[in-house]
Amino acid sequence: MMINVAQSPLIQDLFSITSKPCLSLYLPTHRTQPERRDDQTRYRQLVRYLSDSLRTTYDDDGMVDLLAPFRELERDESFWNSRRQGLAVFRAPGVFITQHLDRSVPEIAVVADHFHVKPLFRILQTLDAYHVLCLTRESAQLYVGNRDGLEEVRFATGPVLLINEVLGEELSDPGFSNSNSGGTDRIVPHTTVEDEIDKDTERFFRHVDRIVMEIASRPTGLPLVVASLPEQTALFHRLSRNPNL
């Protein structure tokens, strides 16, 4: 399942931006010392190169405005503490986009009329990424995977969706009524416990489907694989509206 790079949300966003100039910066980053301590130094050098390139066509005020987000990012320790194997930064008037990358990239700083996206294409073409939804009747967990392994995707409420938390008051109890037969009152269930469980499962799966689309499938465009028992997998496929499934 290779990603269609033309459908990458980030690349689509970059192609849709028409303001100029477009500044593109790529930097290989590191999680361990001693290379890690040099990342921000090399980042400053690339920003300096962007500044030199802008100086030929922009006055000082215009340059300061364009480069200000780069300077702020350099001081953002929480951002640098989240680094992976690469970094991409894109800037145009009214636009500033940062992206941690799971693949290393060459050091590049480019000022042009459009963003430099070739490194992104190369990365996306080598990835075989997908989402995995681990599903039971009572819980759901989501992972993003590629050839390097799986990484947990957290929901707004935590790493696991639980049926009682998702359905809340919608969670069913079997209904009962009084019946009189032969002069003796007895309790008769309207539905069986299994019927109510099946209804709750369907409601839960519909909620899971909507949440997964909102936080994962729509933003990334990645294919989705369901890991569950055969009957639950079939039910989820029948109920799902996710085009990536």
C-alpha atoms as a PDB file:
ATOM      1  CA  MET A   1       0.000   0.000   0.000  1.00  0.00           C
ATOM      2  CA  MET A   2       2.144   2.866  -1.225  1.00  0.00           C
ATOM      3  CA  ILE A   3       1.106   6.437  -0.482  1.00  0.00           C
ATOM      4  CA  ASN A   4      -0.049   8.460  -3.449  1.00  0.00           C
ATOM      5  CA  VAL A   5       2.293  11.419  -2.991  1.00  0.00           C
ATOM      6  CA  ALA A   6       0.020  13.685  -5.009  1.00  0.00           C
ATOM      7  CA  GLN A   7      -2.634  13.152  -2.308  1.00  0.00           C
ATOM      8  CA  SER A   8      -0.367  14.029   0.635  1.00  0.00           C
ATOM      9  CA  PRO A   9      -2.201  16.751   2.629  1.00  0.00           C
ATOM     10  CA  LEU A  10       1.042  18.652   3.304  1.00  0.00           C
ATOM     11  CA  ILE A  11       2.070  18.694  -0.347  1.00  0.00           C
ATOM     12  CA  GLN A  12      -1.444  19.684  -1.380  1.00  0.00           C
ATOM     13  CA  ASP A  13      -1.318  22.584   1.082  1.00  0.00           C
ATOM     14  CA  LEU A  14       2.055  23.735  -0.242  1.00  0.00           C
ATOM     15  CA  PHE A  15       0.888  23.588  -3.848  1.00  0.00           C
ATOM     16  CA  SER A  16      -2.195  25.663  -2.992  1.00  0.00           C
ATOM     17  CA  ILE A  17      -0.193  28.605  -1.577  1.00  0.00           C
ATOM     18  CA  THR A  18       0.214  31.424  -4.099  1.00  0.00           C
ATOM     19  CA  SER A  19       1.918  34.137  -2.019  1.00  0.00           C
ATOM     20  CA  LYS A  20       5.595  34.865  -2.737  1.00  0.00           C
ATOM     21  CA  PRO A  21       8.440  34.497  -1.978  1.00  0.00           C
ATOM     22  CA  CYS A  22       8.427  30.887  -0.776  1.00  0.00           C
ATOM     23  CA  LEU A  23      11.131  29.903   1.713  1.00  0.00           C
ATOM     24  CA  SER A  24      11.892  26.191   2.151  1.00  0.00           C
ATOM     25  CA  LEU A  25      14.275  24.796   4.769  1.00  0.00           C
ATOM     26  CA  TYR A  26      15.209  21.143   5.289  1.00  0.00           C
ATOM     27  CA  LEU A  27      17.455  19.866   8.060  1.00  0.00           C
ATOM     28  CA  PRO A  28      18.489  16.356   9.156  1.00  0.00           C
ATOM     29  CA  THR A  29      17.960  16.137  12.928  1.00  0.00           C
ATOM     30  CA  HIS A  30      19.115  13.767  15.641  1.00  0.00           C
ATOM     31  CA  ARG A  31      17.679  12.340  18.846  1.00  0.00           C
ATOM     32  CA  THR A  32      20.989  11.458  20.493  1.00  0.00           C
ATOM     33  CA  GLN A  33      24.207  13.227  21.403  1.00  0.00           C
ATOM     34  CA  PRO A  34      26.662  14.405  20.239  1.00  0.00           C
ATOM     35  CA  GLU A  35      24.955  15.165  16.902  1.00  0.00           C
ATOM     36  CA  ARG A  36      21.823  16.461  18.631  1.00  0.00           C
ATOM     37  CA  ARG A  37      23.537  19.546  20.072  1.00  0.00           C
ATOM     38  CA  ASP A  38      24.588  20.673  16.584  1.00  0.00           C
ATOM     39  CA  ASP A  39      21.081  20.669  15.066  1.00  0.00           C
ATOM     40  CA  GLN A  40      20.119  24.192  16.129  1.00  0.00           C
ATOM     41  CA  THR A  41      23.514  25.554  15.068  1.00  0.00           C
ATOM     42  CA  ARG A  42      23.063  24.160  11.571  1.00  0.00           C
ATOM     43  CA  TYR A  43      19.478  25.435  11.569  1.00  0.00           C
ATOM     44  CA  ARG A  44      20.771  28.977  12.262  1.00  0.00           C
ATOM     45  CA  GLN A  45      23.220  28.633   9.391  1.00  0.00           C
ATOM     46  CA  LEU A  46      20.415  27.686   7.000  1.00  0.00           C
ATOM     47  CA  VAL A  47      18.297  30.622   8.185  1.00  0.00           C
ATOM     48  CA  ARG A  48      21.298  32.884   7.562  1.00  0.00           C
ATOM     49  CA  TYR A  49      21.491  31.523   4.018  1.00  0.00           C
ATOM     50  CA  LEU A  50      17.791  32.353   3.512  1.00  0.00           C
ATOM     51  CA  SER A  51      18.488  35.861   4.793  1.00  0.00           C
ATOM     52  CA  ASP A  52      21.354  36.319   2.340  1.00  0.00           C
ATOM     53  CA  SER A  53      19.163  35.111  -0.532  1.00  0.00           C
ATOM     54  CA  LEU A  54      16.354  37.504   0.399  1.00  0.00           C
ATOM     55  CA  ARG A  55      18.668  40.493   0.700  1.00  0.00           C
ATOM     56  CA  THR A  56      19.002  40.771  -3.072  1.00  0.00           C
ATOM     57  CA  THR A  57      15.288  41.483  -3.599  1.00  0.00           C
ATOM     58  CA  TYR A  58      13.776  42.562  -0.247  1.00  0.00           C
ATOM     59  CA  ASP A  59      14.267  45.559   2.004  1.00  0.00           C
ATOM     60  CA  ASP A  60      15.171  45.088   5.652  1.00  0.00           C
ATOM     61  CA  ASP A  61      11.586  45.421   6.937  1.00  0.00           C
ATOM     62  CA  GLY A  62      10.320  42.758   4.559  1.00  0.00           C
ATOM     63  CA  MET A  63      13.147  40.414   5.492  1.00  0.00           C
ATOM     64  CA  VAL A  64      12.579  40.838   9.221  1.00  0.00           C
ATOM     65  CA  ASP A  65       8.906  39.946   8.852  1.00  0.00           C
ATOM     66  CA  LEU A  66       9.598  36.879   6.716  1.00  0.00           C
ATOM     67  CA  LEU A  67      12.363  35.560   8.954  1.00  0.00           C
ATOM     68  CA  ALA A  68      10.772  36.321  12.347  1.00  0.00           C
ATOM     69  CA  PRO A  69       8.989  32.921  12.667  1.00  0.00           C
ATOM     70  CA  PHE A  70      12.283  31.133  11.933  1.00  0.00           C
ATOM     71  CA  ARG A  71      13.942  33.043  14.798  1.00  0.00           C
ATOM     72  CA  GLU A  72      11.084  32.200  17.164  1.00  0.00           C
ATOM     73  CA  LEU A  73      11.241  28.530  16.217  1.00  0.00           C
ATOM     74  CA  GLU A  74      14.941  28.440  17.026  1.00  0.00           C
ATOM     75  CA  ARG A  75      14.108  29.377  20.639  1.00  0.00           C
ATOM     76  CA  ASP A  76      11.211  26.917  20.992  1.00  0.00           C
ATOM     77  CA  GLU A  77      12.752  24.192  23.156  1.00  0.00           C
ATOM     78  CA  SER A  78       9.581  22.084  23.239  1.00  0.00           C
ATOM     79  CA  PHE A  79       9.667  21.932  19.442  1.00  0.00           C
ATOM     80  CA  TRP A  80      13.295  20.832  19.356  1.00  0.00           C
ATOM     81  CA  ASN A  81      12.687  18.260  22.080  1.00  0.00           C
ATOM     82  CA  SER A  82      10.168  16.579  19.741  1.00  0.00           C
ATOM     83  CA  ARG A  83      12.612  16.182  16.867  1.00  0.00           C
ATOM     84  CA  ARG A  84      12.756  12.998  14.826  1.00  0.00           C
ATOM     85  CA  GLN A  85      15.078  12.291  11.891  1.00  0.00           C
ATOM     86  CA  GLY A  86      14.380  15.381   9.830  1.00  0.00           C
ATOM     87  CA  LEU A  87      12.765  18.795   9.794  1.00  0.00           C
ATOM     88  CA  ALA A  88      10.994  20.784   7.089  1.00  0.00           C
ATOM     89  CA  VAL A  89      10.002  24.444   7.482  1.00  0.00           C
ATOM     90  CA  PHE A  90       8.026  26.471   4.947  1.00  0.00           C
ATOM     91  CA  ARG A  91       7.434  30.225   4.980  1.00  0.00           C
ATOM     92  CA  ALA A  92       5.596  32.650   2.712  1.00  0.00           C
ATOM     93  CA  PRO A  93       3.677  35.858   3.471  1.00  0.00           C
ATOM     94  CA  GLY A  94       0.872  34.790   5.815  1.00  0.00           C
ATOM     95  CA  VAL A  95       2.124  31.186   5.977  1.00  0.00           C
ATOM     96  CA  PHE A  96       4.459  29.321   8.347  1.00  0.00           C
ATOM     97  CA  ILE A  97       4.472  25.504   8.372  1.00  0.00           C
ATOM     98  CA  THR A  98       6.762  23.199  10.351  1.00  0.00           C
ATOM     99  CA  GLN A  99       6.926  19.436   9.942  1.00  0.00           C
ATOM    100  CA  HIS A 100       8.967  16.836  11.820  1.00  0.00           C
ATOM    101  CA  LEU A 101       9.992  14.037   9.459  1.00  0.00           C
ATOM    102  CA  ASP A 102      10.554  10.322  10.064  1.00  0.00           C
ATOM    103  CA  ARG A 103      13.293  10.221   7.434  1.00  0.00           C
ATOM    104  CA  SER A 104      16.537  12.137   7.184  1.00  0.00           C
ATOM    105  CA  VAL A 105      16.769  14.878   4.557  1.00  0.00           C
ATOM    106  CA  PRO A 106      19.679  16.828   3.062  1.00  0.00           C
ATOM    107  CA  GLU A 107      20.401  20.332   4.350  1.00  0.00           C
ATOM    108  CA  ILE A 108      18.565  22.686   1.999  1.00  0.00           C
ATOM    109  CA  ALA A 109      17.579  26.365   2.133  1.00  0.00           C
ATOM    110  CA  VAL A 110      15.759  27.722  -0.926  1.00  0.00           C
ATOM    111  CA  VAL A 111      14.051  31.014  -1.776  1.00  0.00           C
ATOM    112  CA  ALA A 112      11.856  30.769  -4.882  1.00  0.00           C
ATOM    113  CA  ASP A 113       8.423  31.522  -6.316  1.00  0.00           C
ATOM    114  CA  HIS A 114       7.164  28.135  -5.113  1.00  0.00           C
ATOM    115  CA  PHE A 115       8.058  25.721  -2.323  1.00  0.00           C
ATOM    116  CA  HIS A 116      10.785  23.138  -2.793  1.00  0.00           C
ATOM    117  CA  VAL A 117       9.002  19.793  -2.252  1.00  0.00           C
ATOM    118  CA  LYS A 118      11.294  17.223  -3.889  1.00  0.00           C
ATOM    119  CA  PRO A 119      12.593  15.925  -0.520  1.00  0.00           C
ATOM    120  CA  LEU A 120       8.993  15.323   0.598  1.00  0.00           C
ATOM    121  CA  PHE A 121       8.253  13.345  -2.552  1.00  0.00           C
ATOM    122  CA  ARG A 122      11.331  11.200  -1.988  1.00  0.00           C
ATOM    123  CA  ILE A 123      10.292  10.468   1.603  1.00  0.00           C
ATOM    124  CA  LEU A 124       6.693   9.660   0.767  1.00  0.00           C
ATOM    125  CA  GLN A 125       7.718   7.374  -2.064  1.00  0.00           C
ATOM    126  CA  THR A 126       9.816   5.250   0.329  1.00  0.00           C
ATOM    127  CA  LEU A 127       7.173   4.953   3.049  1.00  0.00           C
ATOM    128  CA  ASP A 128       4.592   2.209   3.205  1.00  0.00           C
ATOM    129  CA  ALA A 129       2.453   3.860   5.862  1.00  0.00           C
ATOM    130  CA  TYR A 130      -0.961   2.884   7.164  1.00  0.00           C
ATOM    131  CA  HIS A 131      -3.213   3.066  10.215  1.00  0.00           C
ATOM    132  CA  VAL A 132      -4.144  -0.009  12.253  1.00  0.00           C
ATOM    133  CA  LEU A 133      -7.363   0.005  14.282  1.00  0.00           C
ATOM    134  CA  CYS A 134      -7.366  -2.656  17.022  1.00  0.00           C
ATOM    135  CA  LEU A 135     -11.030  -3.204  17.765  1.00  0.00           C
ATOM    136  CA  THR A 136     -13.176  -5.170  20.202  1.00  0.00           C
ATOM    137  CA  ARG A 137     -16.805  -4.743  21.181  1.00  0.00           C
ATOM    138  CA  GLU A 138     -15.742  -2.644  24.152  1.00  0.00           C
ATOM    139  CA  SER A 139     -12.564  -0.806  23.130  1.00  0.00           C
ATOM    140  CA  ALA A 140     -10.563   0.653  20.255  1.00  0.00           C
ATOM    141  CA  GLN A 141      -6.882   1.537  19.875  1.00  0.00           C
ATOM    142  CA  LEU A 142      -5.276   3.228  16.867  1.00  0.00           C
ATOM    143  CA  TYR A 143      -1.709   2.979  15.556  1.00  0.00           C
ATOM    144  CA  VAL A 144       0.191   4.427  12.621  1.00  0.00           C
ATOM    145  CA  GLY A 145       2.646   2.031  11.040  1.00  0.00           C
ATOM    146  CA  ASN A 146       5.305   1.856   8.359  1.00  0.00           C
ATOM    147  CA  ARG A 147       8.206  -0.430   7.565  1.00  0.00           C
ATOM    148  CA  ASP A 148       9.914   0.630  10.813  1.00  0.00           C
ATOM    149  CA  GLY A 149       7.094  -0.406  13.156  1.00  0.00           C
ATOM    150  CA  LEU A 150       3.955   0.897  14.873  1.00  0.00           C
ATOM    151  CA  GLU A 151       3.386   4.069  16.891  1.00  0.00           C
ATOM    152  CA  GLU A 152       0.358   4.728  19.077  1.00  0.00           C
ATOM    153  CA  VAL A 153      -2.104   7.429  17.994  1.00  0.00           C
ATOM    154  CA  ARG A 154      -3.803   9.020  20.999  1.00  0.00           C
ATOM    155  CA  PHE A 155      -7.442   9.986  21.029  1.00  0.00           C
ATOM    156  CA  ALA A 156      -8.602  13.170  22.753  1.00  0.00           C
ATOM    157  CA  THR A 157      -9.523  11.107  25.836  1.00  0.00           C
ATOM    158  CA  GLY A 158      -6.369   8.978  25.893  1.00  0.00           C
ATOM    159  CA  PRO A 159      -4.816   5.974  24.136  1.00  0.00           C
ATOM    160  CA  VAL A 160      -7.956   3.790  24.279  1.00  0.00           C
ATOM    161  CA  LEU A 161     -11.592   4.437  23.378  1.00  0.00           C
ATOM    162  CA  LEU A 162     -13.925   2.563  25.755  1.00  0.00           C
ATOM    163  CA  ILE A 163     -17.547   1.827  24.964  1.00  0.00           C
ATOM    164  CA  ASN A 164     -18.880   3.103  28.292  1.00  0.00           C
ATOM    165  CA  GLU A 165     -16.993   6.403  27.873  1.00  0.00           C
ATOM    166  CA  VAL A 166     -18.032   6.867  24.250  1.00  0.00           C
ATOM    167  CA  LEU A 167     -21.704   5.918  24.573  1.00  0.00           C
ATOM    168  CA  GLY A 168     -22.291   7.173  28.105  1.00  0.00           C
ATOM    169  CA  GLU A 169     -26.043   7.335  28.649  1.00  0.00           C
ATOM    170  CA  GLU A 170     -26.610   5.736  25.243  1.00  0.00           C
ATOM    171  CA  LEU A 171     -25.314   2.447  26.659  1.00  0.00           C
ATOM    172  CA  SER A 172     -28.289   0.096  26.795  1.00  0.00           C
ATOM    173  CA  ASP A 173     -29.788  -2.072  29.502  1.00  0.00           C
ATOM    174  CA  PRO A 174     -32.245  -4.827  28.537  1.00  0.00           C
ATOM    175  CA  GLY A 175     -35.825  -3.581  28.923  1.00  0.00           C
ATOM    176  CA  PHE A 176     -38.334  -5.446  31.059  1.00  0.00           C
ATOM    177  CA  SER A 177     -42.098  -5.308  31.606  1.00  0.00           C
ATOM    178  CA  ASN A 178     -44.618  -6.926  33.926  1.00  0.00           C
ATOM    179  CA  SER A 179     -46.875  -9.654  32.541  1.00  0.00           C
ATOM    180  CA  ASN A 180     -49.723 -11.565  34.195  1.00  0.00           C
ATOM    181  CA  SER A 181     -50.186 -15.197  33.181  1.00  0.00           C
ATOM    182  CA  GLY A 182     -52.435 -17.510  35.145  1.00  0.00           C
ATOM    183  CA  GLY A 183     -52.780 -14.891  37.873  1.00  0.00           C
ATOM    184  CA  THR A 184     -49.024 -14.729  38.491  1.00  0.00           C
ATOM    185  CA  ASP A 185     -46.967 -11.609  37.828  1.00  0.00           C
ATOM    186  CA  ARG A 186     -43.681 -12.265  36.079  1.00  0.00           C
ATOM    187  CA  ILE A 187     -40.938 -10.181  34.447  1.00  0.00           C
ATOM    188  CA  VAL A 188     -40.623 -10.552  30.666  1.00  0.00           C
ATOM    189  CA  PRO A 189     -37.637  -9.070  28.808  1.00  0.00           C
ATOM    190  CA  HIS A 190     -38.467  -7.000  25.716  1.00  0.00           C
ATOM    191  CA  THR A 191     -35.133  -7.936  24.192  1.00  0.00           C
ATOM    192  CA  THR A 192     -32.388 -10.354  25.018  1.00  0.00           C
ATOM    193  CA  VAL A 193     -29.098  -9.234  26.513  1.00  0.00           C
ATOM    194  CA  GLU A 194     -27.381 -10.259  23.275  1.00  0.00           C
ATOM    195  CA  ASP A 195     -29.704  -7.992  21.261  1.00  0.00           C
ATOM    196  CA  GLU A 196     -28.762  -5.011  23.404  1.00  0.00           C
ATOM    197  CA  ILE A 197     -25.051  -5.825  23.174  1.00  0.00           C
ATOM    198  CA  ASP A 198     -25.331  -5.955  19.381  1.00  0.00           C
ATOM    199  CA  LYS A 199     -27.040  -2.550  19.311  1.00  0.00           C
ATOM    200  CA  ASP A 200     -24.399  -1.052  21.586  1.00  0.00           C
ATOM    201  CA  THR A 201     -21.640  -2.547  19.451  1.00  0.00           C
ATOM    202  CA  GLU A 202     -23.071  -0.932  16.325  1.00  0.00           C
ATOM    203  CA  ARG A 203     -23.402   2.441  18.047  1.00  0.00           C
ATOM    204  CA  PHE A 204     -19.855   2.173  19.401  1.00  0.00           C
ATOM    205  CA  PHE A 205     -18.407   1.182  16.022  1.00  0.00           C
ATOM    206  CA  ARG A 206     -20.135   4.142  14.333  1.00  0.00           C
ATOM    207  CA  HIS A 207     -18.605   6.510  16.894  1.00  0.00           C
ATOM    208  CA  VAL A 208     -15.170   4.919  16.451  1.00  0.00           C
ATOM    209  CA  ASP A 209     -15.464   5.209  12.675  1.00  0.00           C
ATOM    210  CA  ARG A 210     -16.291   8.921  12.900  1.00  0.00           C
ATOM    211  CA  ILE A 211     -13.479   9.658  15.371  1.00  0.00           C
ATOM    212  CA  VAL A 212     -10.849   7.758  13.362  1.00  0.00           C
ATOM    213  CA  MET A 213     -11.827   9.621  10.202  1.00  0.00           C
ATOM    214  CA  GLU A 214     -11.624  12.981  11.977  1.00  0.00           C
ATOM    215  CA  ILE A 215      -8.275  12.547  13.722  1.00  0.00           C
ATOM    216  CA  ALA A 216      -6.425  10.200  11.352  1.00  0.00           C
ATOM    217  CA  SER A 217      -7.814   9.241   7.952  1.00  0.00           C
ATOM    218  CA  ARG A 218      -8.886  12.651   6.662  1.00  0.00           C
ATOM    219  CA  PRO A 219      -5.783  14.560   7.837  1.00  0.00           C
ATOM    220  CA  THR A 220      -3.314  11.962   6.510  1.00  0.00           C
ATOM    221  CA  GLY A 221      -5.042  10.083   3.690  1.00  0.00           C
ATOM    222  CA  LEU A 222      -3.417   6.851   4.912  1.00  0.00           C
ATOM    223  CA  PRO A 223      -5.094   3.475   4.371  1.00  0.00           C
ATOM    224  CA  LEU A 224      -6.790   1.894   7.394  1.00  0.00           C
ATOM    225  CA  VAL A 225      -6.526  -1.751   8.453  1.00  0.00           C
ATOM    226  CA  VAL A 226      -8.849  -3.240  11.100  1.00  0.00           C
ATOM    227  CA  ALA A 227      -7.448  -5.869  13.480  1.00  0.00           C
ATOM    228  CA  SER A 228     -10.337  -7.661  15.173  1.00  0.00           C
ATOM    229  CA  LEU A 229     -12.317 -10.893  15.275  1.00  0.00           C
ATOM    230  CA  PRO A 230     -13.751 -11.820  11.860  1.00  0.00           C
ATOM    231  CA  GLU A 231     -17.375 -11.042  12.759  1.00  0.00           C
ATOM    232  CA  GLN A 232     -16.471  -7.678  14.287  1.00  0.00           C
ATOM    233  CA  THR A 233     -14.244  -6.795  11.342  1.00  0.00           C
ATOM    234  CA  ALA A 234     -17.115  -7.580   8.974  1.00  0.00           C
ATOM    235  CA  LEU A 235     -19.521  -5.465  11.034  1.00  0.00           C
ATOM    236  CA  PHE A 236     -17.153  -2.497  11.126  1.00  0.00           C
ATOM    237  CA  HIS A 237     -16.627  -2.705   7.362  1.00  0.00           C
ATOM    238  CA  ARG A 238     -20.391  -2.744   6.853  1.00  0.00           C
ATOM    239  CA  LEU A 239     -20.976   0.293   9.079  1.00  0.00           C
ATOM    240  CA  SER A 240     -17.912   2.357   8.181  1.00  0.00           C
ATOM    241  CA  ARG A 241     -18.020   5.422   5.961  1.00  0.00           C
ATOM    242  CA  ASN A 242     -14.237   5.683   5.831  1.00  0.00           C
ATOM    243  CA  PRO A 243     -13.072   5.664   2.183  1.00  0.00           C
ATOM    244  CA  ASN A 244      -9.560   4.627   3.295  1.00  0.00           C
ATOM    245  CA  LEU A 245     -10.754   1.328   4.775  1.00  0.00           C
END
